[in-house]
Amino acid sequence: MDAQQIKVFIDAMAASDLSEMEVEHDGWTLRLARGAGGVPRTAPRVAAPASDDALAQALPATPAAAAGPEEIHAPMFGVVHLQQAPGEPPFVKVGDVVEVGHLLCSIEAMKVFNEVRAERAGRIAAVLATSGTEVEAGQALFSIEQVKHV
């Protein structure tokens, strides 16, 4: 089971009401369970391989679900900063189009500022955090929607 397959399962679970999911494939068992904050945790362990049919049934039925807005999550606990300094314009605002690697915000943890950058290109659909507030690891910070090319 590679990282891309694991991400597909994590995204499928995030888009559902499931509180727990377990999939076996190629000698691995992937178990996802939502923690107290609703953040999935993974705990792979070796188990009997599953058939390709079982894996296909566990994947999302339509790719359309993946085309919707995607959330950018805080990689760690800390204080989120949406602009370089007080009184300065925010790094991004709703409606801005960003490319992969665009700086979205920074999270201050133990006097170190850690940059959070866009993992995919798109338009900022929502800013889900307030500057200067504490965020938990895994908390949604932004929602990014795919930009339709004409």
Protein backbone atom coordinates (compact mmCIF):
# COMPACT_ATOMS: atom_id res chain seq x y z
CA MET A 1 0.00 0.00 0.00
CA ASP A 2 1.61 3.27 -1.08
CA ALA A 3 1.16 6.80 0.26
CA GLN A 4 -1.22 7.80 -2.56
CA GLN A 5 -3.55 4.88 -1.79
CA ILE A 6 -3.51 5.78 1.91
CA LYS A 7 -4.34 9.42 1.05
CA VAL A 8 -7.33 8.25 -1.03
CA PHE A 9 -8.69 6.37 1.98
CA ILE A 10 -8.09 9.32 4.31
CA ASP A 11 -9.87 11.68 1.88
CA ALA A 12 -12.76 9.21 1.48
CA MET A 13 -13.18 8.99 5.23
CA ALA A 14 -12.94 12.77 5.67
CA ALA A 15 -15.76 13.19 3.12
CA SER A 16 -18.00 10.71 4.96
CA ASP A 17 -19.73 10.33 8.33
CA LEU A 18 -17.65 7.24 9.19
CA SER A 19 -15.95 7.24 12.56
CA GLU A 20 -13.77 4.24 11.71
CA MET A 21 -12.58 2.39 8.58
CA GLU A 22 -10.31 -0.64 8.12
CA VAL A 23 -8.93 -1.87 4.77
CA GLU A 24 -6.62 -4.80 4.08
CA HIS A 25 -4.48 -4.88 0.92
CA ASP A 26 -1.11 -6.37 -0.12
CA GLY A 27 -0.36 -7.67 3.35
CA TRP A 28 -1.17 -4.37 5.08
CA THR A 29 -4.12 -3.37 7.19
CA LEU A 30 -4.94 0.34 7.25
CA ARG A 31 -7.16 1.36 10.13
CA LEU A 32 -8.50 4.92 10.26
CA ALA A 33 -10.36 6.22 13.30
CA ARG A 34 -11.46 9.73 14.11
CA GLY A 35 -9.95 11.12 17.30
CA ALA A 36 -11.72 13.39 19.74
CA GLY A 37 -11.13 16.38 17.44
CA GLY A 38 -12.43 14.58 14.35
CA VAL A 39 -8.93 14.13 12.92
CA PRO A 40 -8.27 10.70 11.36
CA ARG A 41 -5.44 8.63 12.86
CA THR A 42 -3.73 5.84 10.94
CA ALA A 43 -2.30 2.64 12.39
CA PRO A 44 -1.01 0.25 9.71
CA ARG A 45 -0.14 -3.32 10.69
CA VAL A 46 0.63 -6.50 8.80
CA ALA A 47 -2.37 -8.75 8.10
CA ALA A 48 -3.65 -11.08 5.41
CA PRO A 49 -3.84 -9.50 1.93
CA ALA A 50 -7.25 -8.55 0.58
CA SER A 51 -8.50 -9.06 -2.93
CA ASP A 52 -8.44 -6.23 -5.47
CA ASP A 53 -12.27 -6.33 -5.42
CA ALA A 54 -12.30 -5.39 -1.72
CA LEU A 55 -9.94 -2.50 -2.42
CA ALA A 56 -12.09 -1.26 -5.33
CA GLN A 57 -15.20 -1.33 -3.13
CA ALA A 58 -13.47 0.77 -0.46
CA LEU A 59 -12.48 3.53 -2.91
CA PRO A 60 -14.90 6.41 -3.56
CA ALA A 61 -17.41 5.48 -6.26
CA THR A 62 -17.04 8.69 -8.26
CA PRO A 63 -14.10 11.01 -8.79
CA ALA A 64 -16.51 13.97 -8.61
CA ALA A 65 -16.24 13.97 -4.80
CA ALA A 66 -12.51 14.63 -5.09
CA ALA A 67 -13.16 17.61 -7.38
CA GLY A 68 -14.96 19.56 -4.63
CA PRO A 69 -13.33 21.99 -2.19
CA GLU A 70 -10.35 20.59 -0.31
CA GLU A 71 -9.36 21.71 3.16
CA ILE A 72 -5.84 22.72 4.13
CA HIS A 73 -5.14 21.56 7.69
CA ALA A 74 -2.77 22.83 10.36
CA PRO A 75 0.31 20.58 10.46
CA MET A 76 0.85 21.30 14.17
CA PHE A 77 -0.51 22.99 17.27
CA GLY A 78 0.28 26.69 17.58
CA VAL A 79 -0.88 30.25 16.98
CA VAL A 80 -1.97 30.93 13.40
CA HIS A 81 -0.93 34.16 11.69
CA LEU A 82 -2.79 35.09 8.51
CA GLN A 83 -0.58 38.13 7.75
CA GLN A 84 3.12 38.98 8.08
CA ALA A 85 2.51 41.53 10.85
CA PRO A 86 -0.46 43.30 12.49
CA GLY A 87 -1.95 45.89 10.14
CA GLU A 88 -0.45 44.24 7.02
CA PRO A 89 -2.66 42.64 4.36
CA PRO A 90 -3.37 38.89 4.74
CA PHE A 91 -1.27 36.38 2.80
CA VAL A 92 -4.49 35.24 1.06
CA LYS A 93 -8.18 36.12 1.18
CA VAL A 94 -11.36 34.50 -0.10
CA GLY A 95 -11.41 34.55 -3.91
CA ASP A 96 -7.63 34.61 -4.36
CA VAL A 97 -6.22 32.10 -6.86
CA VAL A 98 -3.13 30.32 -5.53
CA GLU A 99 -0.56 27.99 -7.06
CA VAL A 100 1.14 25.01 -5.41
CA GLY A 101 3.62 26.31 -2.84
CA HIS A 102 1.89 29.68 -2.32
CA LEU A 103 2.26 30.90 1.30
CA LEU A 104 -1.14 30.77 3.02
CA CYS A 105 -0.27 31.49 6.65
CA SER A 106 2.27 30.70 9.35
CA ILE A 107 1.88 28.84 12.62
CA GLU A 108 3.95 29.97 15.57
CA ALA A 109 5.03 27.14 17.84
CA MET A 110 7.73 27.57 20.51
CA LYS A 111 8.79 30.96 19.07
CA VAL A 112 9.34 29.40 15.60
CA PHE A 113 7.19 30.44 12.65
CA ASN A 114 6.29 27.48 10.43
CA GLU A 115 4.95 28.30 6.96
CA VAL A 116 1.80 26.62 5.65
CA ARG A 117 1.81 26.49 1.86
CA ALA A 118 -0.81 25.45 -0.70
CA GLU A 119 -0.57 21.77 -1.59
CA ARG A 120 -2.60 22.28 -4.76
CA ALA A 121 -3.59 25.11 -7.06
CA GLY A 122 -7.05 26.60 -6.75
CA ARG A 123 -9.20 29.44 -5.44
CA ILE A 124 -9.52 30.18 -1.72
CA ALA A 125 -13.16 29.31 -0.97
CA ALA A 126 -13.02 30.00 2.77
CA VAL A 127 -10.65 31.10 5.51
CA LEU A 128 -11.56 28.87 8.45
CA ALA A 129 -9.20 30.25 11.12
CA THR A 130 -8.80 33.61 12.82
CA SER A 131 -5.39 35.26 12.98
CA GLY A 132 -3.82 35.21 16.45
CA THR A 133 -5.82 32.23 17.69
CA GLU A 134 -4.54 28.81 18.70
CA VAL A 135 -5.13 25.95 16.29
CA GLU A 136 -4.86 22.21 16.83
CA ALA A 137 -2.87 19.88 14.60
CA GLY A 138 -5.23 18.74 11.86
CA GLN A 139 -7.65 21.65 12.25
CA ALA A 140 -8.98 23.02 8.96
CA LEU A 141 -7.45 26.41 8.11
CA PHE A 142 -8.58 27.03 4.51
CA SER A 143 -10.89 25.56 1.92
CA ILE A 144 -9.56 25.55 -1.64
CA GLU A 145 -11.71 24.82 -4.67
CA GLN A 146 -10.49 23.76 -8.08
CA VAL A 147 -10.39 26.53 -10.68
CA LYS A 148 -12.22 25.67 -13.91
CA HIS A 149 -10.14 26.48 -16.98
CA VAL A 150 -12.11 27.89 -19.91
